[in-house]
């Protein structure tokens, strides 16, 4: 079983993806992949293609992910956190835990 990969969209500070990488998590950002400016649907499609869960501060992704499921489309999950709920360090720690305990199949 493969551990989850985390893709952060452009609403997320790139320091989160960088911090995850430094802690051994396979993670990358929209900036790193040259995906700045893509629509939310395109961001989720990219994450799906890369077999990655998408981490975001944007609530629109929750709606889009639910719509995809209703349409029978699949994706590898959306992890949402309100931008002011946690600082960068807390996001990194919490995402590291998820990446440690979950598999891509889950």
N, C-alpha and C. Protein backbone atom coordinates (compact mmCIF):
# COMPACT_ATOMS: atom_id res chain seq x y z
N UNK A 1 0.83 -1.18 0.00
CA UNK A 1 0.00 0.00 0.00
C UNK A 1 0.88 1.24 0.00
N UNK A 2 0.53 2.17 -0.85
CA UNK A 2 1.31 3.39 -0.99
C UNK A 2 0.84 4.46 -0.02
N UNK A 3 1.80 5.19 0.53
CA UNK A 3 1.47 6.34 1.37
C UNK A 3 0.91 7.45 0.49
N UNK A 4 0.08 8.32 1.08
CA UNK A 4 -0.49 9.38 0.27
C UNK A 4 0.57 10.41 -0.10
N UNK A 5 0.36 10.99 -1.26
CA UNK A 5 1.15 12.14 -1.71
C UNK A 5 0.25 13.35 -1.52
N UNK A 6 0.85 14.49 -1.23
CA UNK A 6 0.07 15.70 -0.98
C UNK A 6 0.46 16.78 -1.98
N UNK A 7 -0.55 17.29 -2.66
CA UNK A 7 -0.40 18.39 -3.61
C UNK A 7 -1.10 19.60 -3.02
N UNK A 8 -0.40 20.72 -2.90
CA UNK A 8 -1.01 21.93 -2.35
C UNK A 8 -1.34 22.89 -3.48
N UNK A 9 -2.56 23.41 -3.47
CA UNK A 9 -2.93 24.36 -4.52
C UNK A 9 -2.39 25.74 -4.16
N UNK A 10 -2.66 26.70 -5.02
CA UNK A 10 -2.04 28.01 -4.86
C UNK A 10 -2.56 28.81 -3.67
N UNK A 11 -3.63 28.37 -3.02
CA UNK A 11 -4.10 29.08 -1.82
C UNK A 11 -3.26 28.74 -0.60
N UNK A 12 -2.39 27.74 -0.73
CA UNK A 12 -1.59 27.26 0.40
C UNK A 12 -0.15 27.78 0.27
N UNK A 13 0.39 28.26 1.37
CA UNK A 13 1.78 28.73 1.40
C UNK A 13 2.71 27.58 0.98
N UNK A 14 3.62 27.86 0.06
CA UNK A 14 4.54 26.82 -0.42
C UNK A 14 5.41 26.26 0.70
N UNK A 15 5.55 26.99 1.79
CA UNK A 15 6.34 26.50 2.91
C UNK A 15 5.76 25.21 3.48
N UNK A 16 4.47 25.00 3.31
CA UNK A 16 3.86 23.76 3.82
C UNK A 16 4.35 22.57 3.02
N UNK A 17 4.30 22.65 1.69
CA UNK A 17 4.80 21.54 0.87
C UNK A 17 6.30 21.34 1.11
N UNK A 18 7.04 22.42 1.21
CA UNK A 18 8.48 22.32 1.45
C UNK A 18 8.78 21.67 2.80
N UNK A 19 8.01 22.03 3.82
CA UNK A 19 8.19 21.45 5.15
C UNK A 19 7.87 19.97 5.16
N UNK A 20 6.84 19.58 4.41
CA UNK A 20 6.50 18.17 4.32
C UNK A 20 7.61 17.37 3.66
N UNK A 21 8.16 17.92 2.58
CA UNK A 21 9.26 17.24 1.88
C UNK A 21 10.45 17.05 2.83
N UNK A 22 10.77 18.09 3.60
CA UNK A 22 11.89 17.99 4.55
C UNK A 22 11.65 16.93 5.61
N UNK A 23 10.38 16.59 5.82
CA UNK A 23 10.03 15.57 6.82
C UNK A 23 9.74 14.21 6.19
N UNK A 24 10.11 14.06 4.93
CA UNK A 24 10.01 12.76 4.28
C UNK A 24 8.68 12.44 3.64
N UNK A 25 7.80 13.44 3.52
CA UNK A 25 6.50 13.22 2.88
C UNK A 25 6.62 13.61 1.41
N UNK A 26 6.05 12.81 0.54
CA UNK A 26 6.04 13.17 -0.88
C UNK A 26 4.99 14.26 -1.07
N UNK A 27 5.44 15.47 -1.30
CA UNK A 27 4.55 16.62 -1.41
C UNK A 27 5.09 17.59 -2.44
N UNK A 28 4.18 18.33 -3.06
CA UNK A 28 4.58 19.34 -4.05
C UNK A 28 3.47 20.37 -4.16
N UNK A 29 3.83 21.54 -4.64
CA UNK A 29 2.90 22.66 -4.68
C UNK A 29 2.55 23.05 -6.11
N UNK A 30 1.47 23.80 -6.24
CA UNK A 30 1.07 24.33 -7.55
C UNK A 30 2.18 25.21 -8.12
N UNK A 31 2.86 25.95 -7.27
CA UNK A 31 3.95 26.80 -7.75
C UNK A 31 5.09 25.94 -8.30
N UNK A 32 5.46 24.89 -7.57
CA UNK A 32 6.55 24.01 -7.97
C UNK A 32 6.27 23.33 -9.31
N UNK A 33 5.01 22.97 -9.54
CA UNK A 33 4.65 22.25 -10.76
C UNK A 33 4.27 23.18 -11.92
N UNK A 34 4.30 24.48 -11.68
CA UNK A 34 3.94 25.43 -12.73
C UNK A 34 2.44 25.52 -12.97
N UNK A 35 1.65 25.18 -11.95
CA UNK A 35 0.20 25.16 -12.10
C UNK A 35 -0.51 26.38 -11.55
N UNK A 36 0.20 27.46 -11.29
CA UNK A 36 -0.46 28.67 -10.81
C UNK A 36 -1.42 29.16 -11.89
N UNK A 37 -2.61 29.54 -11.48
CA UNK A 37 -3.58 30.07 -12.43
C UNK A 37 -4.54 29.05 -13.01
N UNK A 38 -4.33 27.76 -12.72
CA UNK A 38 -5.28 26.76 -13.19
C UNK A 38 -6.61 26.92 -12.45
N UNK A 39 -7.69 26.51 -13.09
CA UNK A 39 -8.98 26.53 -12.40
C UNK A 39 -8.97 25.48 -11.29
N UNK A 40 -9.94 25.58 -10.40
CA UNK A 40 -10.02 24.60 -9.32
C UNK A 40 -10.22 23.19 -9.88
N UNK A 41 -11.06 23.05 -10.89
CA UNK A 41 -11.26 21.75 -11.51
C UNK A 41 -9.98 21.20 -12.12
N UNK A 42 -9.21 22.08 -12.76
CA UNK A 42 -7.93 21.66 -13.34
C UNK A 42 -6.94 21.26 -12.25
N UNK A 43 -6.97 21.97 -11.12
CA UNK A 43 -6.08 21.62 -10.00
C UNK A 43 -6.43 20.22 -9.48
N UNK A 44 -7.73 19.94 -9.32
CA UNK A 44 -8.13 18.63 -8.83
C UNK A 44 -7.81 17.55 -9.86
N UNK A 45 -7.97 17.85 -11.12
CA UNK A 45 -7.61 16.89 -12.18
C UNK A 45 -6.12 16.59 -12.15
N UNK A 46 -5.30 17.62 -11.94
CA UNK A 46 -3.86 17.41 -11.86
C UNK A 46 -3.53 16.51 -10.67
N UNK A 47 -4.13 16.80 -9.51
CA UNK A 47 -3.88 15.98 -8.32
C UNK A 47 -4.29 14.53 -8.58
N UNK A 48 -5.41 14.33 -9.25
CA UNK A 48 -5.85 12.97 -9.58
C UNK A 48 -4.83 12.28 -10.47
N UNK A 49 -4.37 12.98 -11.50
CA UNK A 49 -3.38 12.41 -12.42
C UNK A 49 -2.11 11.99 -11.68
N UNK A 50 -1.73 12.77 -10.69
CA UNK A 50 -0.53 12.49 -9.90
C UNK A 50 -0.79 11.54 -8.73
N UNK A 51 -2.04 11.07 -8.63
CA UNK A 51 -2.43 10.17 -7.53
C UNK A 51 -2.13 10.80 -6.17
N UNK A 52 -2.51 12.07 -6.04
CA UNK A 52 -2.22 12.85 -4.83
C UNK A 52 -3.51 13.39 -4.22
N UNK A 53 -3.49 13.51 -2.90
CA UNK A 53 -4.55 14.22 -2.21
C UNK A 53 -4.25 15.71 -2.33
N UNK A 54 -5.29 16.50 -2.49
CA UNK A 54 -5.11 17.94 -2.65
C UNK A 54 -5.37 18.63 -1.31
N UNK A 55 -4.39 19.39 -0.84
CA UNK A 55 -4.55 20.17 0.39
C UNK A 55 -4.82 21.61 0.00
N UNK A 56 -5.87 22.19 0.60
CA UNK A 56 -6.29 23.53 0.23
C UNK A 56 -6.90 24.29 1.40
N UNK A 57 -6.95 25.61 1.24
CA UNK A 57 -7.67 26.49 2.17
C UNK A 57 -8.95 27.00 1.49
N UNK A 58 -9.24 26.51 0.31
CA UNK A 58 -10.34 27.00 -0.53
C UNK A 58 -11.54 26.06 -0.43
N UNK A 59 -12.66 26.54 0.12
CA UNK A 59 -13.85 25.71 0.31
C UNK A 59 -14.47 25.24 -1.00
N UNK A 60 -14.19 25.92 -2.10
CA UNK A 60 -14.76 25.50 -3.39
C UNK A 60 -14.37 24.06 -3.73
N UNK A 61 -13.20 23.62 -3.28
CA UNK A 61 -12.77 22.26 -3.58
C UNK A 61 -13.65 21.21 -2.92
N UNK A 62 -14.25 21.53 -1.79
CA UNK A 62 -15.15 20.59 -1.13
C UNK A 62 -16.38 20.36 -2.01
N UNK A 63 -16.91 21.44 -2.57
CA UNK A 63 -18.06 21.34 -3.46
C UNK A 63 -17.71 20.59 -4.73
N UNK A 64 -16.56 20.92 -5.32
CA UNK A 64 -16.14 20.26 -6.56
C UNK A 64 -15.90 18.77 -6.34
N UNK A 65 -15.25 18.42 -5.25
CA UNK A 65 -14.98 17.01 -4.94
C UNK A 65 -16.28 16.24 -4.76
N UNK A 66 -17.25 16.84 -4.05
CA UNK A 66 -18.55 16.18 -3.86
C UNK A 66 -19.27 16.02 -5.20
N UNK A 67 -19.19 17.03 -6.03
CA UNK A 67 -19.82 16.97 -7.36
C UNK A 67 -19.20 15.86 -8.19
N UNK A 68 -17.88 15.74 -8.15
CA UNK A 68 -17.19 14.67 -8.87
C UNK A 68 -17.72 13.31 -8.43
N UNK A 69 -17.85 13.11 -7.14
CA UNK A 69 -18.33 11.83 -6.61
C UNK A 69 -19.75 11.55 -7.12
N UNK A 70 -20.60 12.57 -7.09
CA UNK A 70 -21.98 12.41 -7.59
C UNK A 70 -21.99 12.03 -9.07
N UNK A 71 -21.02 12.53 -9.83
CA UNK A 71 -20.93 12.25 -11.26
C UNK A 71 -20.20 10.93 -11.55
N UNK A 72 -19.76 10.26 -10.50
CA UNK A 72 -19.06 8.99 -10.68
C UNK A 72 -17.58 9.14 -10.98
N UNK A 73 -17.05 10.36 -10.88
CA UNK A 73 -15.62 10.59 -11.07
C UNK A 73 -14.89 10.28 -9.77
N UNK A 74 -13.65 9.90 -9.89
CA UNK A 74 -12.85 9.63 -8.70
C UNK A 74 -11.74 10.67 -8.55
N UNK A 75 -11.23 10.76 -7.35
CA UNK A 75 -10.05 11.58 -7.06
C UNK A 75 -9.39 10.96 -5.84
N UNK A 76 -8.29 11.51 -5.41
CA UNK A 76 -7.54 10.93 -4.29
C UNK A 76 -7.73 11.71 -3.00
N UNK A 77 -8.79 12.47 -2.92
CA UNK A 77 -9.15 13.14 -1.69
C UNK A 77 -8.77 14.61 -1.66
N UNK A 78 -9.56 15.35 -0.90
CA UNK A 78 -9.31 16.77 -0.65
C UNK A 78 -9.18 16.93 0.85
N UNK A 79 -8.10 17.55 1.26
CA UNK A 79 -7.87 17.86 2.67
C UNK A 79 -8.04 19.38 2.80
N UNK A 80 -9.03 19.78 3.58
CA UNK A 80 -9.33 21.21 3.73
C UNK A 80 -9.01 21.67 5.15
N UNK A 81 -8.46 22.86 5.22
CA UNK A 81 -8.21 23.53 6.50
C UNK A 81 -8.44 25.02 6.29
N UNK A 82 -9.24 25.63 7.13
CA UNK A 82 -9.44 27.07 7.04
C UNK A 82 -8.09 27.76 7.22
N UNK A 83 -7.85 28.79 6.44
CA UNK A 83 -6.54 29.45 6.40
C UNK A 83 -6.08 29.98 7.75
N UNK A 84 -7.02 30.38 8.60
CA UNK A 84 -6.62 30.94 9.90
C UNK A 84 -6.73 29.94 11.04
N UNK A 85 -7.15 28.71 10.75
CA UNK A 85 -7.33 27.72 11.81
C UNK A 85 -6.01 27.25 12.39
N UNK A 86 -5.01 27.08 11.54
CA UNK A 86 -3.71 26.57 11.96
C UNK A 86 -2.60 27.35 11.27
N UNK A 87 -1.48 27.45 11.95
CA UNK A 87 -0.31 28.06 11.34
C UNK A 87 0.39 27.05 10.44
N UNK A 88 1.43 27.52 9.78
CA UNK A 88 2.18 26.67 8.85
C UNK A 88 2.73 25.43 9.55
N UNK A 89 3.35 25.60 10.70
CA UNK A 89 3.92 24.47 11.43
C UNK A 89 2.87 23.44 11.82
N UNK A 90 1.71 23.91 12.28
CA UNK A 90 0.63 22.98 12.65
C UNK A 90 0.12 22.23 11.42
N UNK A 91 -0.02 22.91 10.30
CA UNK A 91 -0.45 22.24 9.07
C UNK A 91 0.54 21.16 8.68
N UNK A 92 1.81 21.48 8.75
CA UNK A 92 2.84 20.50 8.39
C UNK A 92 2.75 19.29 9.32
N UNK A 93 2.66 19.52 10.62
CA UNK A 93 2.58 18.41 11.58
C UNK A 93 1.34 17.54 11.34
N UNK A 94 0.19 18.18 11.14
CA UNK A 94 -1.05 17.42 10.94
C UNK A 94 -1.05 16.66 9.62
N UNK A 95 -0.54 17.27 8.57
CA UNK A 95 -0.46 16.59 7.28
C UNK A 95 0.54 15.43 7.34
N UNK A 96 1.62 15.61 8.07
CA UNK A 96 2.60 14.53 8.23
C UNK A 96 1.95 13.33 8.90
N UNK A 97 1.12 13.60 9.90
CA UNK A 97 0.40 12.50 10.57
C UNK A 97 -0.50 11.78 9.56
N UNK A 98 -1.27 12.53 8.79
CA UNK A 98 -2.14 11.90 7.79
C UNK A 98 -1.33 11.08 6.80
N UNK A 99 -0.22 11.63 6.34
CA UNK A 99 0.61 10.92 5.37
C UNK A 99 1.25 9.68 5.97
N UNK A 100 1.41 9.66 7.27
CA UNK A 100 2.01 8.52 7.95
C UNK A 100 1.00 7.39 8.18
N UNK A 101 -0.24 7.74 8.47
CA UNK A 101 -1.21 6.72 8.86
C UNK A 101 -2.17 6.30 7.74
N UNK A 102 -2.31 7.11 6.69
CA UNK A 102 -3.23 6.77 5.61
C UNK A 102 -2.47 6.23 4.39
N UNK A 103 -3.17 5.42 3.64
CA UNK A 103 -2.62 4.97 2.36
C UNK A 103 -3.41 5.65 1.25
N UNK A 104 -2.86 5.62 0.05
CA UNK A 104 -3.55 6.26 -1.06
C UNK A 104 -4.88 5.60 -1.35
N UNK A 105 -5.01 4.34 -1.01
CA UNK A 105 -6.28 3.64 -1.22
C UNK A 105 -7.37 4.12 -0.27
N UNK A 106 -6.96 4.60 0.90
CA UNK A 106 -7.93 5.07 1.89
C UNK A 106 -8.39 6.46 1.55
